[in-house]
Amino acid sequence: MTLRTDAALLIVAHGSTVNPDSSAPTLAHAAEIRRREIFAGVESAFWKEEPSLRDAIFLFDPELIREVCVVPNFISEGYFTQTVVPRELDLNGRVTKRPNGQIWKYSEPVGNHPMMTELLLKRACEVAPGVSPGETSLLIVAHGTDLNENSAVAAKREAEKIRALGKYATVLNVYMEEPPLVSDWRKLTKTRNVVVVPFFISDGLHSYEDIPRLIGISRSHPERSEAKSKDLAVKPLGNFTGSLDSARDDIGLARGEVFRRNPYKIGGRSLFYAPSIGTDAGFADIIVEQALNAKS
């Protein structure tokens, strides 16, 4: 792919003031795209973190960058992609011409890309290697409730597309806060294997704590040794003498342990729990395609 010497990419995401992992996938995807040297500049901006969406307007020198492609790293269209991002970036449609001559192109969110189905299938296969899909139920978990209506619709769309392929015995879109509930997975599925994939951009409280609690794995895996549990315990910061980065690494290791204990044995069945789909490295490919396909 030829370097676009006068074009830049801006990846926008939600971010979080309380969860440092929220922005991690977006920053990782930006770093990977920067490494590929497709755009003259690649930056990220967030609603709840720095650099802010409002500050992103000034990230690119108009004398050097004539075109900025904005890609929302969101699962679906909704309040943030339709209202917050355009307002904060001062966009007036899919194509905005600034007084300084810069052209800003606003793409659809990553979750709308057809490749999302392929990534979900890949993630399900990776988390349960060697397990026959024909003997497996695949659950795609979204938040649910009226506050996240569009993400629920997106999960339903992806479940329908995968179901139509006929690979898995059962494919269901399930939710944390509305029926069909992910907490009812034992009733909803009959197969001996169940794969659960959170349909979120990043790993956070939902994927680390809420969903594991709802599916009954937060205190599972009794064979894990007491010594290993102590090794993974997060030390109180007041007693910690290492660097802040190493403290964050320890916290990340402890949180990520929930994904490394597969399979969970529950009621004679095997349950495989995957990290959020937005952490997949393939999102970098989707972001690039959304940027290059943005309306002229």
Protein backbone atom coordinates (compact mmCIF):
# COMPACT_ATOMS: atom_id res chain seq x y z
CA MET A 1 0.00 0.00 0.00
CA THR A 2 1.47 3.37 -1.09
CA LEU A 3 2.23 5.98 1.56
CA ARG A 4 -0.25 8.86 1.46
CA THR A 5 2.17 11.69 2.13
CA ASP A 6 -0.53 14.37 2.53
CA ALA A 7 -3.10 12.28 4.45
CA ALA A 8 -3.43 11.42 8.14
CA LEU A 9 -5.52 8.99 10.15
CA LEU A 10 -7.33 9.90 13.37
CA ILE A 11 -8.79 7.02 15.39
CA VAL A 12 -11.42 8.19 17.87
CA ALA A 13 -12.66 6.15 20.82
CA HIS A 14 -14.48 6.51 24.12
CA GLY A 15 -11.70 6.02 26.65
CA SER A 16 -12.22 6.00 30.40
CA THR A 17 -11.18 7.98 33.45
CA VAL A 18 -11.22 4.86 35.65
CA ASN A 19 -10.11 2.00 33.40
CA PRO A 20 -6.61 2.32 31.86
CA ASP A 21 -7.30 -0.71 29.64
CA SER A 22 -10.09 1.12 27.83
CA SER A 23 -7.77 3.01 25.49
CA ALA A 24 -5.15 0.24 25.17
CA PRO A 25 -6.58 -1.50 22.05
CA THR A 26 -7.02 1.81 20.21
CA LEU A 27 -3.45 2.85 20.98
CA ALA A 28 -2.15 -0.58 19.94
CA HIS A 29 -4.02 -0.47 16.63
CA ALA A 30 -2.72 3.05 15.99
CA ALA A 31 0.84 1.90 16.65
CA GLU A 32 0.47 -1.01 14.23
CA ILE A 33 -0.96 1.21 11.48
CA ARG A 34 1.80 3.75 12.08
CA ARG A 35 4.34 0.95 11.62
CA ARG A 36 2.86 0.12 8.19
CA GLU A 37 3.55 3.68 6.92
CA ILE A 38 0.26 4.04 5.05
CA PHE A 39 -0.48 7.55 6.31
CA ALA A 40 1.79 10.53 6.92
CA GLY A 41 0.44 10.69 10.47
CA VAL A 42 -1.59 8.42 12.75
CA GLU A 43 -3.09 9.72 16.00
CA SER A 44 -5.76 8.74 18.54
CA ALA A 45 -8.20 10.89 20.49
CA PHE A 46 -10.76 10.10 23.17
CA TRP A 47 -13.94 11.38 24.75
CA LYS A 48 -12.81 10.53 28.29
CA GLU A 49 -9.00 10.64 27.99
CA GLU A 50 -6.19 12.74 26.57
CA PRO A 51 -5.72 13.78 23.86
CA SER A 52 -9.34 14.89 23.81
CA LEU A 53 -11.57 14.91 20.77
CA ARG A 54 -11.69 18.71 20.85
CA ASP A 55 -7.88 18.98 20.89
CA ALA A 56 -7.61 16.54 17.96
CA ILE A 57 -8.71 19.28 15.59
CA PHE A 58 -5.23 20.80 16.00
CA LEU A 59 -3.15 17.61 15.77
CA PHE A 60 -2.33 17.89 12.05
CA ASP A 61 -0.46 20.74 10.37
CA PRO A 62 -2.67 21.96 7.48
CA GLU A 63 0.42 22.93 5.48
CA LEU A 64 1.57 19.29 5.45
CA ILE A 65 -1.65 17.30 5.92
CA ARG A 66 -4.37 18.10 3.43
CA GLU A 67 -6.71 15.24 4.30
CA VAL A 68 -7.63 13.66 7.65
CA CYS A 69 -9.52 10.36 7.77
CA VAL A 70 -11.49 9.95 11.02
CA VAL A 71 -12.40 6.39 12.04
CA PRO A 72 -14.62 5.78 15.10
CA ASN A 73 -13.37 2.76 17.04
CA PHE A 74 -16.88 1.87 18.19
CA ILE A 75 -18.92 -1.30 17.82
CA SER A 76 -21.97 0.45 16.34
CA GLU A 77 -23.55 3.70 15.27
CA GLY A 78 -25.08 5.55 18.18
CA TYR A 79 -24.99 8.65 20.33
CA PHE A 80 -21.22 8.93 20.38
CA THR A 81 -20.62 8.38 16.65
CA GLN A 82 -23.62 10.42 15.53
CA THR A 83 -23.57 13.27 18.06
CA VAL A 84 -20.51 13.49 20.33
CA VAL A 85 -17.72 12.90 17.81
CA PRO A 86 -19.11 15.21 15.08
CA ARG A 87 -19.79 17.94 17.66
CA GLU A 88 -16.36 17.76 19.30
CA LEU A 89 -14.47 17.54 15.99
CA ASP A 90 -16.70 20.20 14.41
CA LEU A 91 -17.73 17.90 11.54
CA ASN A 92 -20.75 18.77 9.41
CA GLY A 93 -21.20 15.45 7.63
CA ARG A 94 -19.16 12.66 6.11
CA VAL A 95 -16.90 15.27 4.46
CA THR A 96 -15.93 18.55 6.12
CA LYS A 97 -13.77 21.25 4.59
CA ARG A 98 -11.97 23.39 7.18
CA PRO A 99 -11.33 27.13 6.65
CA ASN A 100 -7.62 26.22 6.43
CA GLY A 101 -8.32 23.99 3.43
CA GLN A 102 -8.02 20.62 5.21
CA ILE A 103 -10.55 17.99 4.21
CA TRP A 104 -11.80 15.78 7.04
CA LYS A 105 -13.50 12.52 6.05
CA TYR A 106 -15.64 10.74 8.64
CA SER A 107 -16.04 6.98 8.19
CA GLU A 108 -18.51 4.48 9.60
CA PRO A 109 -17.57 2.81 12.91
CA VAL A 110 -15.37 -0.26 12.81
CA GLY A 111 -18.22 -2.47 14.02
CA ASN A 112 -20.09 -1.92 10.74
CA HIS A 113 -17.33 -3.51 8.67
CA PRO A 114 -18.13 -6.92 7.07
CA MET A 115 -14.83 -8.30 8.39
CA MET A 116 -16.29 -8.21 11.93
CA THR A 117 -17.92 -11.59 11.30
CA GLU A 118 -14.59 -13.11 10.30
CA LEU A 119 -12.90 -11.74 13.42
CA LEU A 120 -15.59 -13.17 15.69
CA LEU A 121 -15.17 -16.59 14.11
CA LYS A 122 -11.39 -16.32 14.43
CA ARG A 123 -11.62 -15.31 18.09
CA ALA A 124 -13.99 -18.20 18.86
CA CYS A 125 -11.63 -20.67 17.19
CA GLU A 126 -8.56 -19.28 18.99
CA VAL A 127 -10.11 -19.47 22.46
CA ALA A 128 -11.26 -23.08 21.95
CA PRO A 129 -8.58 -24.76 19.79
CA GLY A 130 -9.36 -28.27 18.65
CA VAL A 131 -13.00 -28.05 19.73
CA SER A 132 -15.53 -29.06 17.07
CA PRO A 133 -17.88 -26.15 16.18
CA GLY A 134 -20.60 -28.71 15.50
CA GLU A 135 -20.55 -29.61 19.20
CA THR A 136 -20.27 -26.01 20.37
CA SER A 137 -22.57 -23.08 21.13
CA LEU A 138 -21.22 -19.59 20.36
CA LEU A 139 -22.52 -16.70 22.46
CA ILE A 140 -21.88 -13.10 21.40
CA VAL A 141 -22.37 -10.87 24.44
CA ALA A 142 -23.40 -7.20 24.26
CA HIS A 143 -24.53 -4.87 27.01
CA GLY A 144 -28.24 -4.54 26.29
CA THR A 145 -30.73 -2.00 27.70
CA ASP A 146 -32.10 1.05 25.89
CA LEU A 147 -28.87 2.94 26.59
CA ASN A 148 -27.02 0.56 24.26
CA GLU A 149 -29.74 -0.29 21.76
CA ASN A 150 -27.50 -0.10 18.70
CA SER A 151 -24.83 -2.37 20.15
CA ALA A 152 -27.55 -4.92 20.87
CA VAL A 153 -28.66 -4.70 17.25
CA ALA A 154 -25.07 -5.12 16.06
CA ALA A 155 -24.65 -8.26 18.17
CA LYS A 156 -27.88 -9.66 16.76
CA ARG A 157 -26.72 -8.92 13.21
CA GLU A 158 -23.41 -10.71 13.72
CA ALA A 159 -25.09 -13.71 15.36
CA GLU A 160 -27.47 -14.03 12.41
CA LYS A 161 -24.61 -13.88 9.90
CA ILE A 162 -22.61 -16.56 11.73
CA ARG A 163 -25.70 -18.70 12.27
CA ALA A 164 -26.35 -18.65 8.53
CA LEU A 165 -22.92 -20.23 7.92
CA GLY A 166 -24.05 -23.39 9.74
CA LYS A 167 -20.69 -23.98 11.44
CA TYR A 168 -21.76 -23.90 15.08
CA ALA A 169 -24.48 -26.02 16.67
CA THR A 170 -25.97 -22.86 18.19
CA VAL A 171 -25.19 -19.15 17.72
CA LEU A 172 -26.87 -16.68 20.05
CA ASN A 173 -26.74 -12.95 20.71
CA VAL A 174 -27.08 -12.54 24.47
CA TYR A 175 -26.99 -9.56 26.78
CA MET A 176 -25.94 -8.49 30.24
CA GLU A 177 -29.12 -6.58 31.08
CA GLU A 178 -31.92 -7.75 28.80
CA PRO A 179 -33.21 -11.10 27.50
CA PRO A 180 -31.81 -13.35 26.30
CA LEU A 181 -29.51 -13.00 29.29
CA VAL A 182 -25.96 -14.33 29.20
CA SER A 183 -26.53 -15.51 32.79
CA ASP A 184 -29.07 -18.01 31.37
CA TRP A 185 -26.46 -19.71 29.14
CA ARG A 186 -27.08 -23.11 30.77
CA LYS A 187 -30.76 -22.96 29.77
CA LEU A 188 -30.13 -21.42 26.36
CA THR A 189 -27.56 -23.99 25.22
CA LYS A 190 -27.46 -27.80 25.16
CA THR A 191 -24.00 -28.50 23.73
CA ARG A 192 -21.12 -29.80 25.81
CA ASN A 193 -18.93 -26.87 24.67
CA VAL A 194 -19.84 -23.18 24.98
CA VAL A 195 -17.74 -20.25 23.70
CA VAL A 196 -18.46 -16.75 25.03
CA VAL A 197 -17.11 -13.71 23.16
CA PRO A 198 -17.73 -10.20 24.60
CA PHE A 199 -18.78 -7.81 21.83
CA PHE A 200 -16.90 -4.80 23.20
CA ILE A 201 -14.09 -2.57 21.95
CA SER A 202 -11.88 -3.08 25.01
CA ASP A 203 -11.54 -5.18 28.12
CA GLY A 204 -12.80 -3.51 31.26
CA LEU A 205 -15.10 -4.11 34.20
CA HIS A 206 -17.67 -5.81 31.96
CA SER A 207 -15.25 -8.40 30.57
CA TYR A 208 -13.02 -8.73 33.65
CA GLU A 209 -15.74 -8.89 36.31
CA ASP A 210 -19.37 -8.50 35.27
CA ILE A 211 -19.67 -11.15 32.56
CA PRO A 212 -17.52 -13.71 34.47
CA ARG A 213 -19.82 -13.22 37.45
CA LEU A 214 -22.94 -13.58 35.30
CA ILE A 215 -21.74 -16.83 33.69
CA GLY A 216 -20.44 -18.23 36.97
CA ILE A 217 -16.69 -18.33 36.37
CA SER A 218 -15.44 -15.50 38.55
CA ARG A 219 -14.68 -17.94 41.38
CA SER A 220 -14.30 -21.09 39.31
CA HIS A 221 -11.26 -23.23 38.58
CA PRO A 222 -10.60 -24.65 42.06
CA GLU A 223 -7.52 -26.51 40.82
CA ARG A 224 -5.60 -23.25 40.61
CA SER A 225 -3.03 -23.44 43.38
CA GLU A 226 -3.02 -21.15 46.38
CA ALA A 227 0.55 -20.15 45.57
CA LYS A 228 -0.42 -19.05 42.07
CA SER A 229 -3.33 -17.07 43.48
CA LYS A 230 -0.94 -15.22 45.76
CA ASP A 231 1.45 -14.54 42.88
CA LEU A 232 -1.34 -12.93 40.88
CA ALA A 233 -2.75 -10.89 43.73
CA VAL A 234 -2.44 -7.14 43.26
CA LYS A 235 -0.28 -5.63 46.01
CA PRO A 236 -1.57 -2.51 47.80
CA LEU A 237 0.07 0.50 46.16
CA GLY A 238 1.12 1.80 49.56
CA ASN A 239 3.43 -1.22 49.93
CA PHE A 240 4.67 -1.18 46.35
CA THR A 241 8.25 -0.06 45.70
CA GLY A 242 8.54 -0.72 41.93
CA SER A 243 7.66 1.50 39.00
CA LEU A 244 4.15 2.59 38.12
CA ASP A 245 4.42 0.72 34.81
CA SER A 246 5.26 -2.54 36.58
CA ALA A 247 2.34 -1.99 38.96
CA ARG A 248 0.03 -1.62 35.97
CA ASP A 249 1.50 -4.76 34.44
CA ASP A 250 0.73 -6.68 37.64
CA ILE A 251 -2.85 -5.41 37.64
CA GLY A 252 -3.26 -6.32 33.97
CA LEU A 253 -1.91 -9.82 34.62
CA ALA A 254 -4.34 -10.38 37.48
CA ARG A 255 -7.29 -9.13 35.42
CA GLY A 256 -6.29 -11.05 32.31
CA GLU A 257 -6.07 -14.30 34.23
CA VAL A 258 -9.80 -14.85 33.68
CA PHE A 259 -9.08 -15.40 29.97
CA ARG A 260 -6.22 -17.83 30.57
CA ARG A 261 -8.07 -20.38 32.69
CA ASN A 262 -10.01 -21.97 29.82
CA PRO A 263 -11.79 -24.25 29.70
CA TYR A 264 -14.01 -23.79 32.73
CA LYS A 265 -15.67 -27.03 33.78
CA ILE A 266 -19.23 -26.32 34.88
CA GLY A 267 -21.87 -29.00 35.30
CA GLY A 268 -19.96 -31.44 33.11
CA ARG A 269 -19.67 -28.90 30.30
CA SER A 270 -16.70 -26.90 29.00
CA LEU A 271 -17.02 -23.12 28.83
CA PHE A 272 -14.43 -21.04 26.96
CA TYR A 273 -14.27 -17.30 27.71
CA ALA A 274 -12.58 -14.91 25.25
CA PRO A 275 -11.24 -11.36 25.59
CA SER A 276 -13.33 -8.58 24.04
CA ILE A 277 -13.39 -8.66 20.24
CA GLY A 278 -11.94 -5.14 19.98
CA THR A 279 -8.59 -6.38 21.31
CA ASP A 280 -8.07 -8.50 18.18
CA ALA A 281 -5.10 -7.36 16.09
CA GLY A 282 -7.31 -7.61 12.99
CA PHE A 283 -8.99 -4.36 14.01
CA ALA A 284 -6.01 -2.53 12.53
CA ASP A 285 -6.95 -3.90 9.09
CA ILE A 286 -10.57 -2.81 9.57
CA ILE A 287 -9.55 0.69 10.66
CA VAL A 288 -7.37 1.11 7.56
CA GLU A 289 -10.16 -0.09 5.25
CA GLN A 290 -12.74 2.18 6.87
CA ALA A 291 -10.36 5.12 6.43
CA LEU A 292 -9.54 4.39 2.79
CA ASN A 293 -13.22 3.76 1.97
CA ALA A 294 -14.46 6.96 3.57
CA LYS A 295 -16.63 9.00 1.21
CA SER A 296 -14.90 11.49 -1.03
